[in-house]
Amino acid sequence: MELFETIAARGSKRKFTNEPVPRDIVKKCVEAAGRAPSPHNEQPWKFVAVFNSAKLNEMGKVVGVKLDRLFSAAPVDAEIARKVKW
């Protein structure tokens, strides 16, 4: 598929299944993300793939607490805060 066909055909997904994503697909996605451009071609990022749903839920709760603290410490538009927390 050509670049512009790919861009035109892309879409947002808002409904997901509980079906696990095969590890080889996750690996390919992480490898592709690692090739993204960065200043001075440094690619300073690190990736962690979490497959344990209980751990993901725990991480989500921790992030929620941190966001609450962040939003209470600085003036933030309520609608933006709601969207970020969602």
Protein backbone atom coordinates (compact mmCIF):
# COMPACT_ATOMS: atom_id res chain seq x y z
CA MET A 1 0.00 0.00 0.00
CA GLU A 2 1.33 3.43 -0.88
CA LEU A 3 1.91 6.07 1.78
CA PHE A 4 -1.10 8.24 0.95
CA GLU A 5 -3.39 5.22 0.67
CA THR A 6 -2.21 4.12 4.08
CA ILE A 7 -2.82 7.56 5.57
CA ALA A 8 -6.28 7.81 3.98
CA ALA A 9 -7.25 4.30 5.11
CA ARG A 10 -6.24 4.68 8.73
CA GLY A 11 -8.91 4.87 11.37
CA SER A 12 -9.34 5.18 15.11
CA LYS A 13 -10.35 2.12 17.08
CA ARG A 14 -12.63 2.68 20.04
CA LYS A 15 -13.81 -0.84 20.72
CA PHE A 16 -11.44 -3.58 21.75
CA THR A 17 -11.72 -7.22 22.63
CA ASN A 18 -10.16 -9.00 25.59
CA GLU A 19 -8.28 -11.19 23.14
CA PRO A 20 -4.52 -10.99 23.81
CA VAL A 21 -2.27 -9.54 21.14
CA PRO A 22 0.26 -12.14 19.95
CA ARG A 23 3.75 -11.44 21.30
CA ASP A 24 5.28 -11.44 17.81
CA ILE A 25 2.92 -8.60 16.81
CA VAL A 26 3.84 -6.64 19.95
CA LYS A 27 7.52 -7.20 19.19
CA LYS A 28 7.09 -5.89 15.63
CA CYS A 29 5.24 -2.80 16.91
CA VAL A 30 7.95 -2.06 19.47
CA GLU A 31 10.65 -2.51 16.85
CA ALA A 32 8.81 -0.10 14.52
CA ALA A 33 8.38 2.45 17.33
CA GLY A 34 12.09 2.20 18.07
CA ARG A 35 12.85 3.32 14.52
CA ALA A 36 10.94 6.59 14.92
CA PRO A 37 13.03 9.69 14.29
CA SER A 38 14.58 11.49 17.22
CA PRO A 39 16.89 14.48 17.62
CA HIS A 40 20.43 13.55 16.59
CA ASN A 41 19.13 10.02 15.89
CA GLU A 42 19.67 9.17 19.56
CA GLN A 43 16.43 7.19 20.08
CA PRO A 44 16.62 7.67 23.87
CA TRP A 45 13.41 5.80 24.67
CA LYS A 46 12.87 2.49 26.37
CA PHE A 47 9.82 0.27 25.93
CA VAL A 48 8.19 -2.15 28.32
CA ALA A 49 5.45 -4.50 27.14
CA VAL A 50 3.17 -5.55 29.99
CA PHE A 51 1.04 -8.62 29.33
CA ASN A 52 -0.31 -9.17 32.86
CA SER A 53 -3.76 -7.53 33.04
CA ALA A 54 -3.70 -7.30 36.85
CA LYS A 55 -0.39 -5.43 36.65
CA LEU A 56 -1.81 -3.12 33.95
CA ASN A 57 -4.79 -2.28 36.17
CA GLU A 58 -2.45 -1.60 39.10
CA MET A 59 -0.30 0.66 36.93
CA GLY A 60 -3.42 2.50 35.73
CA LYS A 61 -4.46 3.24 39.30
CA VAL A 62 -1.01 4.61 40.12
CA VAL A 63 -1.07 6.84 37.04
CA GLY A 64 -4.55 8.07 38.05
CA VAL A 65 -3.27 9.09 41.49
CA LYS A 66 -0.30 10.89 39.93
CA LEU A 67 -2.59 12.72 37.49
CA ASP A 68 -4.85 13.83 40.35
CA ARG A 69 -1.81 15.27 42.12
CA LEU A 70 -0.56 16.94 38.95
CA PHE A 71 -3.92 18.51 38.14
CA SER A 72 -4.40 19.75 41.70
CA ALA A 73 -0.94 21.36 41.74
CA ALA A 74 -1.42 23.48 38.61
CA PRO A 75 -4.39 25.20 37.01
CA VAL A 76 -5.69 22.91 34.28
CA ASP A 77 -8.83 23.24 32.19
CA ALA A 78 -11.35 20.75 33.62
CA GLU A 79 -12.27 19.40 30.18
CA ILE A 80 -8.64 18.75 29.30
CA ALA A 81 -8.09 17.02 32.65
CA ARG A 82 -11.15 14.82 32.06
CA LYS A 83 -9.93 13.80 28.61
CA VAL A 84 -6.41 13.04 29.86
CA LYS A 85 -7.70 10.95 32.75
CA TRP A 86 -10.04 9.02 30.45
